[in-house]
Amino acid sequence: MCASLTACEWKKVFYEKMEVAKPADSWELIIDPNLKPSELAPGWQQYVEQHASGRFHCSWCWHTWRSPHMVILFHMHLDRARRMGSVRMRVFKQLCYECGSARPDESSMLEENIESLVDNLITSLREQCYREDGGQYRIHVASRPDSGPHRPEFCEACQEGIVHWKPSQKLLAEEASTYASDACKPRAQGCWGYNFFSLRWCLFWAFLGLLAVYLQFSFRSSSFL
């Protein structure tokens, strides 16, 4: 029995995607609110999702706020002999900075699609537990607008010692160039932005031809007057 609707959705999406990714192995997902970063038992691997966006609601003063710095911690282990794997997961919360509530808020909602976050988890799992090329991570940091400076004194993940990673200028430039090159692919003439055989250009050339004929006819008519 799931503790919440969100936990049920996480497990449903995780089990469905793992059945496709690794049907020969059996995996379980456990929600563990006491999971500690970098405290790993032998054979366990860690993945930290630092790019999730979430919405929080304080049950004491009813203040609601959004944050693009939501952190999710995963610990992963694969028993190759038994072909069984386990993932433990913790979603870090934030303190309310309006009323200064002493406990992390219990009401939070991820604004990201859980399927995208699970895809990121499986990408890391395949890389660390199976030593495979996991593929491409689906959430792009450069494409998300920042709503303001992060306040670590109210962040549960910061208090646990997780340093929030910020994209470097190099990564931002690489992602921007990737998006620009993808946008240019459908064009027939590369990235110049001119396709002289498109319908628009054909109509333009036809118009110029008709204009030239008209001007030539007008010139001849005036010469006979």
N, C-alpha and C. Protein backbone atom coordinates (compact mmCIF):
# COMPACT_ATOMS: atom_id res chain seq x y z
N MET A 1 0.85 -1.19 0.00
CA MET A 1 0.00 0.00 0.00
C MET A 1 0.89 1.25 0.00
N CYS A 2 0.66 2.17 -0.93
CA CYS A 2 1.48 3.38 -1.02
C CYS A 2 1.06 4.38 0.04
N ALA A 3 2.05 5.14 0.53
CA ALA A 3 1.78 6.15 1.55
C ALA A 3 1.10 7.38 0.96
N SER A 4 1.30 7.65 -0.31
CA SER A 4 0.69 8.82 -0.95
C SER A 4 0.50 8.55 -2.42
N LEU A 5 -0.30 9.41 -3.05
CA LEU A 5 -0.53 9.28 -4.48
C LEU A 5 0.76 9.47 -5.26
N THR A 6 1.60 10.41 -4.81
CA THR A 6 2.87 10.66 -5.50
C THR A 6 3.77 9.44 -5.45
N ALA A 7 3.85 8.79 -4.28
CA ALA A 7 4.67 7.59 -4.14
C ALA A 7 4.17 6.47 -5.04
N CYS A 8 2.85 6.33 -5.13
CA CYS A 8 2.27 5.31 -6.01
C CYS A 8 2.62 5.59 -7.47
N GLU A 9 2.58 6.86 -7.86
CA GLU A 9 2.89 7.21 -9.25
C GLU A 9 4.36 6.94 -9.56
N TRP A 10 5.25 7.29 -8.62
CA TRP A 10 6.68 7.01 -8.80
C TRP A 10 6.89 5.52 -9.03
N LYS A 11 6.30 4.68 -8.17
CA LYS A 11 6.50 3.23 -8.27
C LYS A 11 5.90 2.68 -9.56
N LYS A 12 4.73 3.15 -9.93
CA LYS A 12 4.09 2.66 -11.14
C LYS A 12 4.95 2.95 -12.37
N VAL A 13 5.42 4.19 -12.49
CA VAL A 13 6.24 4.57 -13.64
C VAL A 13 7.57 3.83 -13.62
N PHE A 14 8.19 3.72 -12.44
CA PHE A 14 9.48 3.04 -12.32
C PHE A 14 9.37 1.57 -12.72
N TYR A 15 8.38 0.86 -12.20
CA TYR A 15 8.25 -0.56 -12.51
C TYR A 15 7.96 -0.78 -13.99
N GLU A 16 7.14 0.06 -14.58
CA GLU A 16 6.82 -0.09 -16.00
C GLU A 16 8.06 0.13 -16.87
N LYS A 17 8.84 1.15 -16.57
CA LYS A 17 10.02 1.46 -17.39
C LYS A 17 11.14 0.45 -17.16
N MET A 18 11.30 -0.05 -15.94
CA MET A 18 12.34 -1.05 -15.68
C MET A 18 11.99 -2.38 -16.33
N GLU A 19 10.71 -2.68 -16.44
CA GLU A 19 10.29 -3.92 -17.11
C GLU A 19 10.68 -3.88 -18.59
N VAL A 20 10.71 -2.69 -19.16
CA VAL A 20 11.12 -2.54 -20.55
C VAL A 20 12.64 -2.49 -20.66
N ALA A 21 13.30 -1.76 -19.74
CA ALA A 21 14.75 -1.58 -19.81
C ALA A 21 15.51 -2.84 -19.43
N LYS A 22 15.08 -3.52 -18.36
CA LYS A 22 15.78 -4.70 -17.86
C LYS A 22 14.77 -5.79 -17.46
N PRO A 23 14.13 -6.42 -18.43
CA PRO A 23 13.08 -7.40 -18.09
C PRO A 23 13.60 -8.65 -17.38
N ALA A 24 14.90 -8.96 -17.52
CA ALA A 24 15.44 -10.16 -16.89
C ALA A 24 15.73 -9.97 -15.41
N ASP A 25 15.76 -8.72 -14.94
CA ASP A 25 16.06 -8.43 -13.54
C ASP A 25 14.81 -7.89 -12.85
N SER A 26 14.73 -8.14 -11.56
CA SER A 26 13.61 -7.65 -10.75
C SER A 26 14.09 -6.48 -9.89
N TRP A 27 13.40 -5.34 -10.01
CA TRP A 27 13.79 -4.14 -9.28
C TRP A 27 12.64 -3.66 -8.39
N GLU A 28 13.02 -3.10 -7.23
CA GLU A 28 12.04 -2.49 -6.33
C GLU A 28 12.43 -1.06 -6.02
N LEU A 29 11.42 -0.22 -5.77
CA LEU A 29 11.64 1.18 -5.41
C LEU A 29 11.09 1.41 -4.02
N ILE A 30 11.93 1.93 -3.12
CA ILE A 30 11.55 2.14 -1.72
C ILE A 30 11.68 3.62 -1.40
N ILE A 31 10.63 4.21 -0.86
CA ILE A 31 10.69 5.60 -0.40
C ILE A 31 11.27 5.62 1.00
N ASP A 32 12.41 6.30 1.15
CA ASP A 32 13.12 6.31 2.44
C ASP A 32 13.40 7.76 2.84
N PRO A 33 12.57 8.36 3.74
CA PRO A 33 12.77 9.76 4.14
C PRO A 33 14.02 9.98 4.99
N ASN A 34 14.66 8.90 5.42
CA ASN A 34 15.86 9.01 6.25
C ASN A 34 17.15 8.74 5.48
N LEU A 35 17.06 8.65 4.17
CA LEU A 35 18.24 8.38 3.35
C LEU A 35 19.25 9.52 3.47
N LYS A 36 20.52 9.17 3.64
CA LYS A 36 21.58 10.16 3.83
C LYS A 36 22.50 10.19 2.61
N PRO A 37 22.87 11.38 2.14
CA PRO A 37 23.78 11.46 0.99
C PRO A 37 25.16 10.95 1.33
N SER A 38 25.73 10.19 0.40
CA SER A 38 27.12 9.68 0.48
C SER A 38 27.31 8.65 1.59
N GLU A 39 26.27 8.23 2.28
CA GLU A 39 26.37 7.15 3.27
C GLU A 39 25.90 5.88 2.59
N LEU A 40 26.85 5.20 1.93
CA LEU A 40 26.53 4.07 1.08
C LEU A 40 27.09 2.77 1.65
N ALA A 41 26.24 1.75 1.65
CA ALA A 41 26.71 0.41 2.01
C ALA A 41 27.55 -0.15 0.87
N PRO A 42 28.40 -1.15 1.13
CA PRO A 42 29.23 -1.72 0.04
C PRO A 42 28.38 -2.20 -1.13
N GLY A 43 28.79 -1.82 -2.32
CA GLY A 43 28.09 -2.24 -3.52
C GLY A 43 26.97 -1.32 -3.96
N TRP A 44 26.66 -0.28 -3.18
CA TRP A 44 25.59 0.65 -3.52
C TRP A 44 26.17 1.84 -4.29
N GLN A 45 25.34 2.40 -5.17
CA GLN A 45 25.72 3.57 -5.96
C GLN A 45 24.74 4.70 -5.66
N GLN A 46 25.17 5.93 -5.93
CA GLN A 46 24.34 7.10 -5.62
C GLN A 46 24.09 7.94 -6.87
N TYR A 47 22.87 8.44 -6.98
CA TYR A 47 22.51 9.40 -8.02
C TYR A 47 21.69 10.51 -7.37
N VAL A 48 22.06 11.77 -7.65
CA VAL A 48 21.36 12.92 -7.10
C VAL A 48 20.73 13.71 -8.25
N GLU A 49 19.41 13.82 -8.23
CA GLU A 49 18.69 14.64 -9.21
C GLU A 49 18.57 16.05 -8.64
N GLN A 50 19.30 16.99 -9.22
CA GLN A 50 19.33 18.36 -8.71
C GLN A 50 18.57 19.34 -9.59
N HIS A 51 17.91 18.85 -10.62
CA HIS A 51 17.31 19.74 -11.61
C HIS A 51 15.80 19.73 -11.58
N ALA A 52 15.20 19.17 -10.55
CA ALA A 52 13.74 19.09 -10.50
C ALA A 52 13.15 20.42 -10.02
N SER A 53 11.94 20.69 -10.47
CA SER A 53 11.23 21.87 -10.05
C SER A 53 10.03 21.45 -9.22
N GLY A 54 9.76 22.17 -8.12
CA GLY A 54 8.68 21.76 -7.23
C GLY A 54 7.91 22.94 -6.67
N ARG A 55 6.76 22.63 -6.14
CA ARG A 55 5.91 23.63 -5.51
C ARG A 55 5.64 23.18 -4.07
N PHE A 56 5.81 24.10 -3.12
CA PHE A 56 5.66 23.80 -1.69
C PHE A 56 4.49 24.56 -1.09
N HIS A 57 3.91 23.96 -0.07
CA HIS A 57 2.79 24.58 0.62
C HIS A 57 2.96 24.38 2.12
N CYS A 58 3.02 25.49 2.85
CA CYS A 58 3.19 25.42 4.31
C CYS A 58 1.83 25.17 4.96
N SER A 59 1.73 24.12 5.73
CA SER A 59 0.46 23.78 6.38
C SER A 59 0.22 24.63 7.63
N TRP A 60 1.21 25.46 8.02
CA TRP A 60 1.06 26.28 9.22
C TRP A 60 0.53 27.68 8.87
N CYS A 61 1.19 28.35 7.90
CA CYS A 61 0.76 29.71 7.54
C CYS A 61 0.14 29.78 6.14
N TRP A 62 0.04 28.66 5.46
CA TRP A 62 -0.58 28.55 4.14
C TRP A 62 0.19 29.26 3.04
N HIS A 63 1.46 29.55 3.31
CA HIS A 63 2.29 30.17 2.26
C HIS A 63 2.65 29.12 1.21
N THR A 64 2.59 29.54 -0.06
CA THR A 64 2.94 28.66 -1.17
C THR A 64 4.07 29.28 -1.97
N TRP A 65 5.04 28.47 -2.35
CA TRP A 65 6.15 28.98 -3.14
C TRP A 65 6.65 27.88 -4.09
N ARG A 66 7.37 28.34 -5.12
CA ARG A 66 7.95 27.44 -6.11
C ARG A 66 9.46 27.48 -6.02
N SER A 67 10.10 26.37 -6.41
CA SER A 67 11.55 26.31 -6.38
C SER A 67 12.06 25.45 -7.54
N PRO A 68 13.05 25.97 -8.29
CA PRO A 68 13.68 25.16 -9.33
C PRO A 68 14.88 24.37 -8.81
N HIS A 69 15.03 24.34 -7.47
CA HIS A 69 16.20 23.70 -6.85
C HIS A 69 15.78 22.52 -5.98
N MET A 70 14.77 21.77 -6.41
CA MET A 70 14.32 20.61 -5.66
C MET A 70 15.30 19.45 -5.89
N VAL A 71 15.66 18.77 -4.83
CA VAL A 71 16.68 17.72 -4.89
C VAL A 71 16.06 16.37 -4.54
N ILE A 72 16.41 15.35 -5.33
CA ILE A 72 15.96 13.98 -5.07
C ILE A 72 17.19 13.09 -5.00
N LEU A 73 17.29 12.31 -3.93
CA LEU A 73 18.44 11.43 -3.70
C LEU A 73 18.05 9.98 -3.96
N PHE A 74 18.90 9.26 -4.70
CA PHE A 74 18.67 7.84 -4.98
C PHE A 74 19.91 7.03 -4.59
N HIS A 75 19.70 5.91 -3.92
CA HIS A 75 20.74 4.91 -3.70
C HIS A 75 20.32 3.64 -4.44
N MET A 76 21.26 3.05 -5.19
CA MET A 76 20.94 1.93 -6.07
C MET A 76 21.88 0.76 -5.81
N HIS A 77 21.34 -0.45 -5.89
CA HIS A 77 22.16 -1.66 -5.72
C HIS A 77 21.60 -2.78 -6.57
N LEU A 78 22.49 -3.51 -7.26
CA LEU A 78 22.10 -4.66 -8.08
C LEU A 78 22.81 -5.91 -7.58
N ASP A 79 22.04 -6.92 -7.20
CA ASP A 79 22.57 -8.23 -6.84
C ASP A 79 22.60 -9.06 -8.12
N ARG A 80 23.76 -9.15 -8.74
CA ARG A 80 23.85 -9.81 -10.03
C ARG A 80 23.57 -11.30 -9.94
N ALA A 81 23.97 -11.94 -8.84
CA ALA A 81 23.75 -13.38 -8.70
C ALA A 81 22.26 -13.71 -8.63
N ARG A 82 21.50 -12.91 -7.90
CA ARG A 82 20.06 -13.15 -7.77
C ARG A 82 19.24 -12.39 -8.80
N ARG A 83 19.92 -11.51 -9.57
CA ARG A 83 19.27 -10.69 -10.59
C ARG A 83 18.13 -9.86 -9.98
N MET A 84 18.46 -9.27 -8.83
CA MET A 84 17.50 -8.42 -8.12
C MET A 84 18.17 -7.10 -7.79
N GLY A 85 17.43 -6.02 -7.98
CA GLY A 85 17.96 -4.70 -7.68
C GLY A 85 17.03 -3.91 -6.78
N SER A 86 17.60 -2.90 -6.14
CA SER A 86 16.83 -2.08 -5.21
C SER A 86 17.24 -0.61 -5.36
N VAL A 87 16.24 0.26 -5.34
CA VAL A 87 16.47 1.71 -5.36
C VAL A 87 15.77 2.32 -4.16
N ARG A 88 16.53 3.06 -3.37
CA ARG A 88 15.96 3.81 -2.25
C ARG A 88 15.95 5.28 -2.64
N MET A 89 14.86 5.98 -2.29
CA MET A 89 14.64 7.33 -2.81
C MET A 89 14.20 8.26 -1.69
N ARG A 90 14.70 9.49 -1.75
CA ARG A 90 14.28 10.53 -0.82
C ARG A 90 14.12 11.85 -1.55
N VAL A 91 12.95 12.48 -1.41
CA VAL A 91 12.70 13.80 -1.95
C VAL A 91 12.92 14.82 -0.83
N PHE A 92 13.90 15.71 -1.00
CA PHE A 92 14.20 16.69 0.04
C PHE A 92 13.18 17.81 0.03
N LYS A 93 12.84 18.29 1.21
CA LYS A 93 11.84 19.33 1.37
C LYS A 93 12.51 20.67 1.71
N GLN A 94 11.69 21.69 1.90
CA GLN A 94 12.19 23.02 2.25
C GLN A 94 11.39 23.59 3.41
N LEU A 95 12.06 24.43 4.20
CA LEU A 95 11.39 25.14 5.28
C LEU A 95 10.66 26.36 4.74
N CYS A 96 9.58 26.72 5.38
CA CYS A 96 8.85 27.92 5.01
C CYS A 96 9.62 29.15 5.51
N TYR A 97 9.97 30.06 4.60
CA TYR A 97 10.73 31.25 4.99
C TYR A 97 9.83 32.42 5.37
N GLU A 98 8.50 32.22 5.33
CA GLU A 98 7.58 33.27 5.76
C GLU A 98 7.34 33.20 7.27
N CYS A 99 7.03 32.00 7.75
CA CYS A 99 6.74 31.86 9.18
C CYS A 99 7.89 31.22 9.94
N GLY A 100 8.93 30.75 9.21
CA GLY A 100 10.08 30.14 9.87
C GLY A 100 9.74 28.84 10.56
N SER A 101 8.84 28.07 9.95
CA SER A 101 8.44 26.79 10.53
C SER A 101 9.66 25.93 10.79
N ALA A 102 9.70 25.33 11.96
CA ALA A 102 10.88 24.59 12.40
C ALA A 102 11.00 23.23 11.73
N ARG A 103 9.94 22.75 11.08
CA ARG A 103 10.00 21.45 10.45
C ARG A 103 9.83 21.60 8.93
N PRO A 104 10.46 20.73 8.16
CA PRO A 104 10.27 20.79 6.71
C PRO A 104 8.80 20.57 6.36
N ASP A 105 8.36 21.28 5.37
CA ASP A 105 6.96 21.17 4.98
C ASP A 105 6.65 19.78 4.46
N GLU A 106 5.49 19.25 4.84
CA GLU A 106 5.10 17.91 4.42
C GLU A 106 4.39 17.91 3.07
N SER A 107 3.95 19.07 2.63
CA SER A 107 3.17 19.15 1.41
C SER A 107 4.01 19.72 0.29
N SER A 108 4.42 18.89 -0.66
CA SER A 108 5.21 19.35 -1.79
C SER A 108 4.77 18.59 -3.04
N MET A 109 4.93 19.23 -4.17
CA MET A 109 4.50 18.63 -5.43
C MET A 109 5.54 18.89 -6.50
N LEU A 110 5.95 17.85 -7.19
CA LEU A 110 6.88 18.00 -8.29
C LEU A 110 6.16 18.59 -9.49
N GLU A 111 6.78 19.60 -10.10
CA GLU A 111 6.22 20.18 -11.30
C GLU A 111 6.77 19.54 -12.56
N GLU A 112 7.85 18.79 -12.41
CA GLU A 112 8.37 18.06 -13.55
C GLU A 112 7.50 16.83 -13.81
N ASN A 113 7.52 16.35 -15.03
CA ASN A 113 6.89 15.09 -15.35
C ASN A 113 7.69 13.98 -14.67
N ILE A 114 7.02 13.14 -13.87
CA ILE A 114 7.71 12.07 -13.15
C ILE A 114 8.37 11.10 -14.13
N GLU A 115 7.78 10.93 -15.31
CA GLU A 115 8.38 10.04 -16.31
C GLU A 115 9.77 10.53 -16.71
N SER A 116 9.94 11.84 -16.85
CA SER A 116 11.25 12.38 -17.21
C SER A 116 12.26 12.14 -16.10
N LEU A 117 11.83 12.31 -14.85
CA LEU A 117 12.73 12.09 -13.72
C LEU A 117 13.10 10.61 -13.60
N VAL A 118 12.14 9.71 -13.85
CA VAL A 118 12.44 8.28 -13.81
C VAL A 118 13.38 7.91 -14.95
N ASP A 119 13.20 8.54 -16.12
CA ASP A 119 14.13 8.29 -17.22
C ASP A 119 15.55 8.68 -16.83
N ASN A 120 15.70 9.80 -16.14
CA ASN A 120 17.02 10.21 -15.66
C ASN A 120 17.59 9.19 -14.68
N LEU A 121 16.73 8.71 -13.78
CA LEU A 121 17.16 7.70 -12.81
C LEU A 121 17.64 6.43 -13.51
N ILE A 122 16.88 5.96 -14.49
CA ILE A 122 17.25 4.73 -15.20
C ILE A 122 18.52 4.94 -16.02
N THR A 123 18.70 6.13 -16.55
CA THR A 123 19.95 6.44 -17.27
C THR A 123 21.15 6.28 -16.34
N SER A 124 21.05 6.85 -15.14
CA SER A 124 22.14 6.73 -14.17
C SER A 124 22.30 5.28 -13.70
N LEU A 125 21.19 4.60 -13.51
CA LEU A 125 21.22 3.20 -13.04
C LEU A 125 21.92 2.31 -14.06
N ARG A 126 21.64 2.49 -15.32
CA ARG A 126 22.29 1.69 -16.35
C ARG A 126 23.78 1.98 -16.43
N GLU A 127 24.15 3.24 -16.21
CA GLU A 127 25.56 3.61 -16.25
C GLU A 127 26.32 3.03 -15.06
N GLN A 128 25.74 3.13 -13.86
CA GLN A 128 26.48 2.77 -12.65
C GLN A 128 26.33 1.30 -12.26
N CYS A 129 25.16 0.72 -12.48
CA CYS A 129 24.94 -0.67 -12.07
C CYS A 129 25.21 -1.68 -13.18
N TYR A 130 25.06 -1.27 -14.43
CA TYR A 130 25.26 -2.19 -15.55
C TYR A 130 26.46 -1.83 -16.42
N ARG A 131 27.08 -0.69 -16.12
CA ARG A 131 28.23 -0.21 -16.90
C ARG A 131 27.87 -0.08 -18.38
N GLU A 132 26.69 0.45 -18.66
CA GLU A 132 26.23 0.66 -20.02
C GLU A 132 26.16 2.16 -20.32
N ASP A 133 25.98 2.45 -21.60
CA ASP A 133 25.69 3.82 -21.99
C ASP A 133 24.22 4.06 -21.70
N GLY A 134 23.95 4.88 -20.69
CA GLY A 134 22.58 5.07 -20.25
C GLY A 134 21.72 5.87 -21.20
N GLY A 135 22.32 6.61 -22.11
CA GLY A 135 21.54 7.46 -23.01
C GLY A 135 21.65 8.92 -22.63
N GLN A 136 20.61 9.68 -22.89
CA GLN A 136 20.62 11.13 -22.68
C GLN A 136 19.69 11.50 -21.53
N TYR A 137 20.18 12.36 -20.65
CA TYR A 137 19.35 12.88 -19.57
C TYR A 137 18.33 13.85 -20.15
N ARG A 138 17.09 13.79 -19.67
CA ARG A 138 15.99 14.47 -20.33
C ARG A 138 15.77 15.91 -19.86
N ILE A 139 16.21 16.25 -18.67
CA ILE A 139 15.97 17.60 -18.15
C ILE A 139 17.20 18.45 -18.44
N HIS A 140 17.01 19.56 -19.16
CA HIS A 140 18.12 20.44 -19.53
C HIS A 140 18.13 21.66 -18.61
N VAL A 141 19.27 21.87 -17.98
CA VAL A 141 19.39 22.97 -17.02
C VAL A 141 19.30 24.31 -17.72
N ALA A 142 19.92 24.44 -18.89
CA ALA A 142 20.00 25.73 -19.56
C ALA A 142 18.63 26.22 -20.02
N SER A 143 17.69 25.30 -20.22
CA SER A 143 16.39 25.70 -20.75
C SER A 143 15.42 26.14 -19.66
N ARG A 144 15.83 26.03 -18.37
CA ARG A 144 14.91 26.39 -17.29
C ARG A 144 15.21 27.77 -16.75
N PRO A 145 14.25 28.68 -16.74
CA PRO A 145 14.48 29.99 -16.14
C PRO A 145 14.63 29.90 -14.63
N ASP A 146 15.56 30.67 -14.09
CA ASP A 146 15.79 30.67 -12.66
C ASP A 146 14.90 31.72 -11.99
N SER A 147 14.21 31.33 -10.92
CA SER A 147 13.26 32.24 -10.28
C SER A 147 13.93 33.12 -9.22
N GLY A 148 15.24 33.01 -9.06
CA GLY A 148 15.91 33.82 -8.06
C GLY A 148 16.97 33.04 -7.31
N PRO A 149 17.70 33.69 -6.41
CA PRO A 149 18.76 33.01 -5.67
C PRO A 149 18.22 31.94 -4.74
N HIS A 150 18.97 30.85 -4.64
CA HIS A 150 18.59 29.76 -3.74
C HIS A 150 18.93 30.15 -2.30
N ARG A 151 18.06 29.77 -1.35
CA ARG A 151 18.27 30.09 0.06
C ARG A 151 18.60 28.82 0.82
N PRO A 152 19.89 28.51 0.95
CA PRO A 152 20.30 27.22 1.53
C PRO A 152 19.89 27.02 2.98
N GLU A 153 19.69 28.13 3.73
CA GLU A 153 19.32 27.98 5.14
C GLU A 153 17.92 27.38 5.32
N PHE A 154 17.10 27.39 4.26
CA PHE A 154 15.76 26.83 4.32
C PHE A 154 15.64 25.52 3.54
N CYS A 155 16.75 25.05 3.00
CA CYS A 155 16.74 23.86 2.14
C CYS A 155 17.23 22.64 2.91
N GLU A 156 16.41 21.61 2.95
CA GLU A 156 16.76 20.39 3.67
C GLU A 156 17.98 19.71 3.04
N ALA A 157 18.08 19.74 1.70
CA ALA A 157 19.22 19.11 1.03
C ALA A 157 20.52 19.82 1.37
N CYS A 158 20.49 21.16 1.41
CA CYS A 158 21.70 21.91 1.77
C CYS A 158 22.13 21.60 3.20
N GLN A 159 21.16 21.47 4.10
CA GLN A 159 21.47 21.15 5.48
C GLN A 159 22.08 19.76 5.63
N GLU A 160 21.78 18.89 4.66
CA GLU A 160 22.34 17.53 4.68
C GLU A 160 23.69 17.46 3.98
N GLY A 161 24.17 18.59 3.46
CA GLY A 161 25.50 18.63 2.86
C GLY A 161 25.54 18.45 1.36
N ILE A 162 24.39 18.50 0.68
CA ILE A 162 24.38 18.39 -0.78
C ILE A 162 24.61 19.77 -1.37
N VAL A 163 25.69 19.92 -2.11
CA VAL A 163 26.01 21.19 -2.74
C VAL A 163 25.27 21.25 -4.07
N HIS A 164 24.43 22.26 -4.25
CA HIS A 164 23.65 22.37 -5.47
C HIS A 164 24.56 22.72 -6.63
N TRP A 165 24.49 21.91 -7.66
CA TRP A 165 25.32 22.11 -8.83
C TRP A 165 24.71 23.18 -9.71
N LYS A 166 25.55 24.10 -10.20
CA LYS A 166 25.12 25.15 -11.10
C LYS A 166 25.76 24.93 -12.47
N PRO A 167 25.02 25.12 -13.56
CA PRO A 167 25.60 24.90 -14.89
C PRO A 167 26.68 25.92 -15.20
N SER A 168 27.79 25.45 -15.75
CA SER A 168 28.87 26.35 -16.12
C SER A 168 28.52 27.06 -17.42
N GLN A 169 29.24 28.14 -17.70
CA GLN A 169 29.03 28.87 -18.94
C GLN A 169 29.32 28.00 -20.15
N LYS A 170 30.27 27.06 -19.98
CA LYS A 170 30.60 26.17 -21.09
C LYS A 170 29.43 25.27 -21.42
N LEU A 171 28.77 24.71 -20.38
CA LEU A 171 27.62 23.85 -20.61
C LEU A 171 26.47 24.62 -21.25
N LEU A 172 26.24 25.84 -20.76
CA LEU A 172 25.18 26.66 -21.34
C LEU A 172 25.44 26.92 -22.82
N ALA A 173 26.71 27.19 -23.15
CA ALA A 173 27.05 27.45 -24.55
C ALA A 173 26.89 26.19 -25.39
N GLU A 174 27.28 25.02 -24.82
CA GLU A 174 27.14 23.76 -25.55
C GLU A 174 25.68 23.44 -25.82
N GLU A 175 24.82 23.62 -24.81
CA GLU A 175 23.41 23.32 -25.00
C GLU A 175 22.78 24.30 -25.99
N ALA A 176 23.19 25.57 -25.93
CA ALA A 176 22.66 26.56 -26.86
C ALA A 176 23.05 26.22 -28.29
N SER A 177 24.30 25.77 -28.50
CA SER A 177 24.74 25.41 -29.85
C SER A 177 24.04 24.15 -30.33
N THR A 178 23.74 23.23 -29.41
CA THR A 178 23.01 22.01 -29.77
C THR A 178 21.62 22.33 -30.25
N TYR A 179 20.93 23.21 -29.50
CA TYR A 179 19.59 23.61 -29.90
C TYR A 179 19.61 24.33 -31.25
N ALA A 180 20.64 25.18 -31.48
CA ALA A 180 20.73 25.92 -32.73
C ALA A 180 20.96 24.98 -33.91
N SER A 181 21.84 23.97 -33.72
CA SER A 181 22.10 23.03 -34.81
C SER A 181 20.89 22.16 -35.10
N ASP A 182 20.13 21.78 -34.07
CA ASP A 182 18.92 20.99 -34.28
C ASP A 182 17.88 21.80 -35.04
N ALA A 183 17.82 23.10 -34.76
CA ALA A 183 16.83 23.94 -35.44
C ALA A 183 17.17 24.09 -36.92
N CYS A 184 18.44 23.93 -37.27
CA CYS A 184 18.85 24.13 -38.66
C CYS A 184 18.71 22.87 -39.50
N LYS A 185 18.50 21.71 -38.89
CA LYS A 185 18.50 20.45 -39.63
C LYS A 185 17.45 20.37 -40.72
N PRO A 186 16.20 20.83 -40.53
CA PRO A 186 15.20 20.68 -41.59
C PRO A 186 15.46 21.53 -42.81
N ARG A 187 16.35 22.49 -42.74
CA ARG A 187 16.56 23.39 -43.85
C ARG A 187 17.41 22.74 -44.92
N ALA A 188 17.05 22.96 -46.17
CA ALA A 188 17.73 22.29 -47.29
C ALA A 188 19.14 22.80 -47.48
N GLN A 189 19.42 24.04 -47.11
CA GLN A 189 20.72 24.65 -47.38
C GLN A 189 21.51 24.85 -46.09
N GLY A 190 21.45 23.91 -45.14
CA GLY A 190 22.23 24.01 -43.91
C GLY A 190 21.68 25.08 -43.02
N CYS A 191 22.56 25.83 -42.37
CA CYS A 191 22.16 26.82 -41.39
C CYS A 191 22.15 28.24 -41.95
N TRP A 192 22.20 28.38 -43.25
CA TRP A 192 22.18 29.73 -43.80
C TRP A 192 20.78 30.30 -43.76
N GLY A 193 19.77 29.45 -43.71
CA GLY A 193 18.40 29.93 -43.62
C GLY A 193 17.79 30.30 -44.96
N TYR A 194 18.45 29.96 -46.10
CA TYR A 194 17.92 30.28 -47.42
C TYR A 194 17.77 29.00 -48.22
N ASN A 195 16.56 28.73 -48.68
CA ASN A 195 16.29 27.61 -49.56
C ASN A 195 15.66 28.18 -50.82
N PHE A 196 16.48 28.35 -51.87
CA PHE A 196 16.03 29.05 -53.07
C PHE A 196 15.08 28.22 -53.92
N PHE A 197 14.79 26.98 -53.50
CA PHE A 197 13.86 26.14 -54.25
C PHE A 197 12.56 25.93 -53.49
N SER A 198 12.33 26.70 -52.44
CA SER A 198 11.09 26.61 -51.70
C SER A 198 9.97 27.27 -52.48
N LEU A 199 8.71 27.02 -52.09
CA LEU A 199 7.56 27.59 -52.78
C LEU A 199 7.59 29.12 -52.73
N ARG A 200 8.00 29.66 -51.57
CA ARG A 200 8.04 31.11 -51.43
C ARG A 200 9.00 31.74 -52.44
N TRP A 201 10.20 31.11 -52.58
CA TRP A 201 11.17 31.66 -53.52
C TRP A 201 10.73 31.46 -54.96
N CYS A 202 10.07 30.34 -55.28
CA CYS A 202 9.57 30.12 -56.65
C CYS A 202 8.56 31.20 -57.04
N LEU A 203 7.67 31.53 -56.12
CA LEU A 203 6.71 32.58 -56.39
C LEU A 203 7.39 33.93 -56.57
N PHE A 204 8.45 34.14 -55.78
CA PHE A 204 9.19 35.40 -55.90
C PHE A 204 9.85 35.51 -57.27
N TRP A 205 10.51 34.40 -57.75
CA TRP A 205 11.15 34.43 -59.06
C TRP A 205 10.12 34.59 -60.17
N ALA A 206 8.96 33.97 -60.01
CA ALA A 206 7.91 34.09 -61.02
C ALA A 206 7.41 35.53 -61.11
N PHE A 207 7.27 36.16 -59.94
CA PHE A 207 6.84 37.55 -59.90
C PHE A 207 7.86 38.45 -60.60
N LEU A 208 9.15 38.22 -60.35
CA LEU A 208 10.19 39.01 -61.00
C LEU A 208 10.15 38.82 -62.52
N GLY A 209 9.90 37.57 -62.97
CA GLY A 209 9.82 37.32 -64.40
C GLY A 209 8.67 38.05 -65.04
N LEU A 210 7.48 38.00 -64.40
CA LEU A 210 6.32 38.71 -64.93
C LEU A 210 6.55 40.23 -64.95
N LEU A 211 7.22 40.71 -63.89
CA LEU A 211 7.52 42.15 -63.83
C LEU A 211 8.45 42.56 -64.96
N ALA A 212 9.44 41.74 -65.26
CA ALA A 212 10.37 42.05 -66.34
C ALA A 212 9.66 42.07 -67.68
N VAL A 213 8.76 41.08 -67.90
CA VAL A 213 8.00 41.05 -69.16
C VAL A 213 7.12 42.28 -69.29
N TYR A 214 6.46 42.66 -68.19
CA TYR A 214 5.58 43.82 -68.20
C TYR A 214 6.36 45.11 -68.51
N LEU A 215 7.52 45.26 -67.88
CA LEU A 215 8.33 46.46 -68.10
C LEU A 215 8.84 46.50 -69.54
N GLN A 216 9.23 45.34 -70.05
CA GLN A 216 9.72 45.29 -71.43
C GLN A 216 8.60 45.66 -72.41
N PHE A 217 7.38 45.14 -72.18
CA PHE A 217 6.25 45.44 -73.05
C PHE A 217 5.89 46.93 -72.97
N SER A 218 5.92 47.48 -71.73
CA SER A 218 5.60 48.90 -71.56
C SER A 218 6.62 49.77 -72.28
N PHE A 219 7.89 49.39 -72.24
CA PHE A 219 8.94 50.17 -72.88
C PHE A 219 8.77 50.17 -74.41
N ARG A 220 8.44 49.00 -74.96
CA ARG A 220 8.23 48.91 -76.40
C ARG A 220 7.01 49.71 -76.84
N SER A 221 5.94 49.66 -76.04
CA SER A 221 4.72 50.40 -76.38
C SER A 221 4.98 51.90 -76.39
N SER A 222 5.75 52.39 -75.44
CA SER A 222 6.03 53.84 -75.38
C SER A 222 6.94 54.28 -76.52
N SER A 223 7.78 53.38 -77.04
CA SER A 223 8.68 53.75 -78.13
C SER A 223 7.94 53.93 -79.45
N PHE A 224 6.76 53.29 -79.58
CA PHE A 224 5.98 53.44 -80.81
C PHE A 224 5.12 54.68 -80.79
N LEU A 225 4.94 55.33 -79.66
CA LEU A 225 4.08 56.52 -79.57
C LEU A 225 4.81 57.75 -80.08
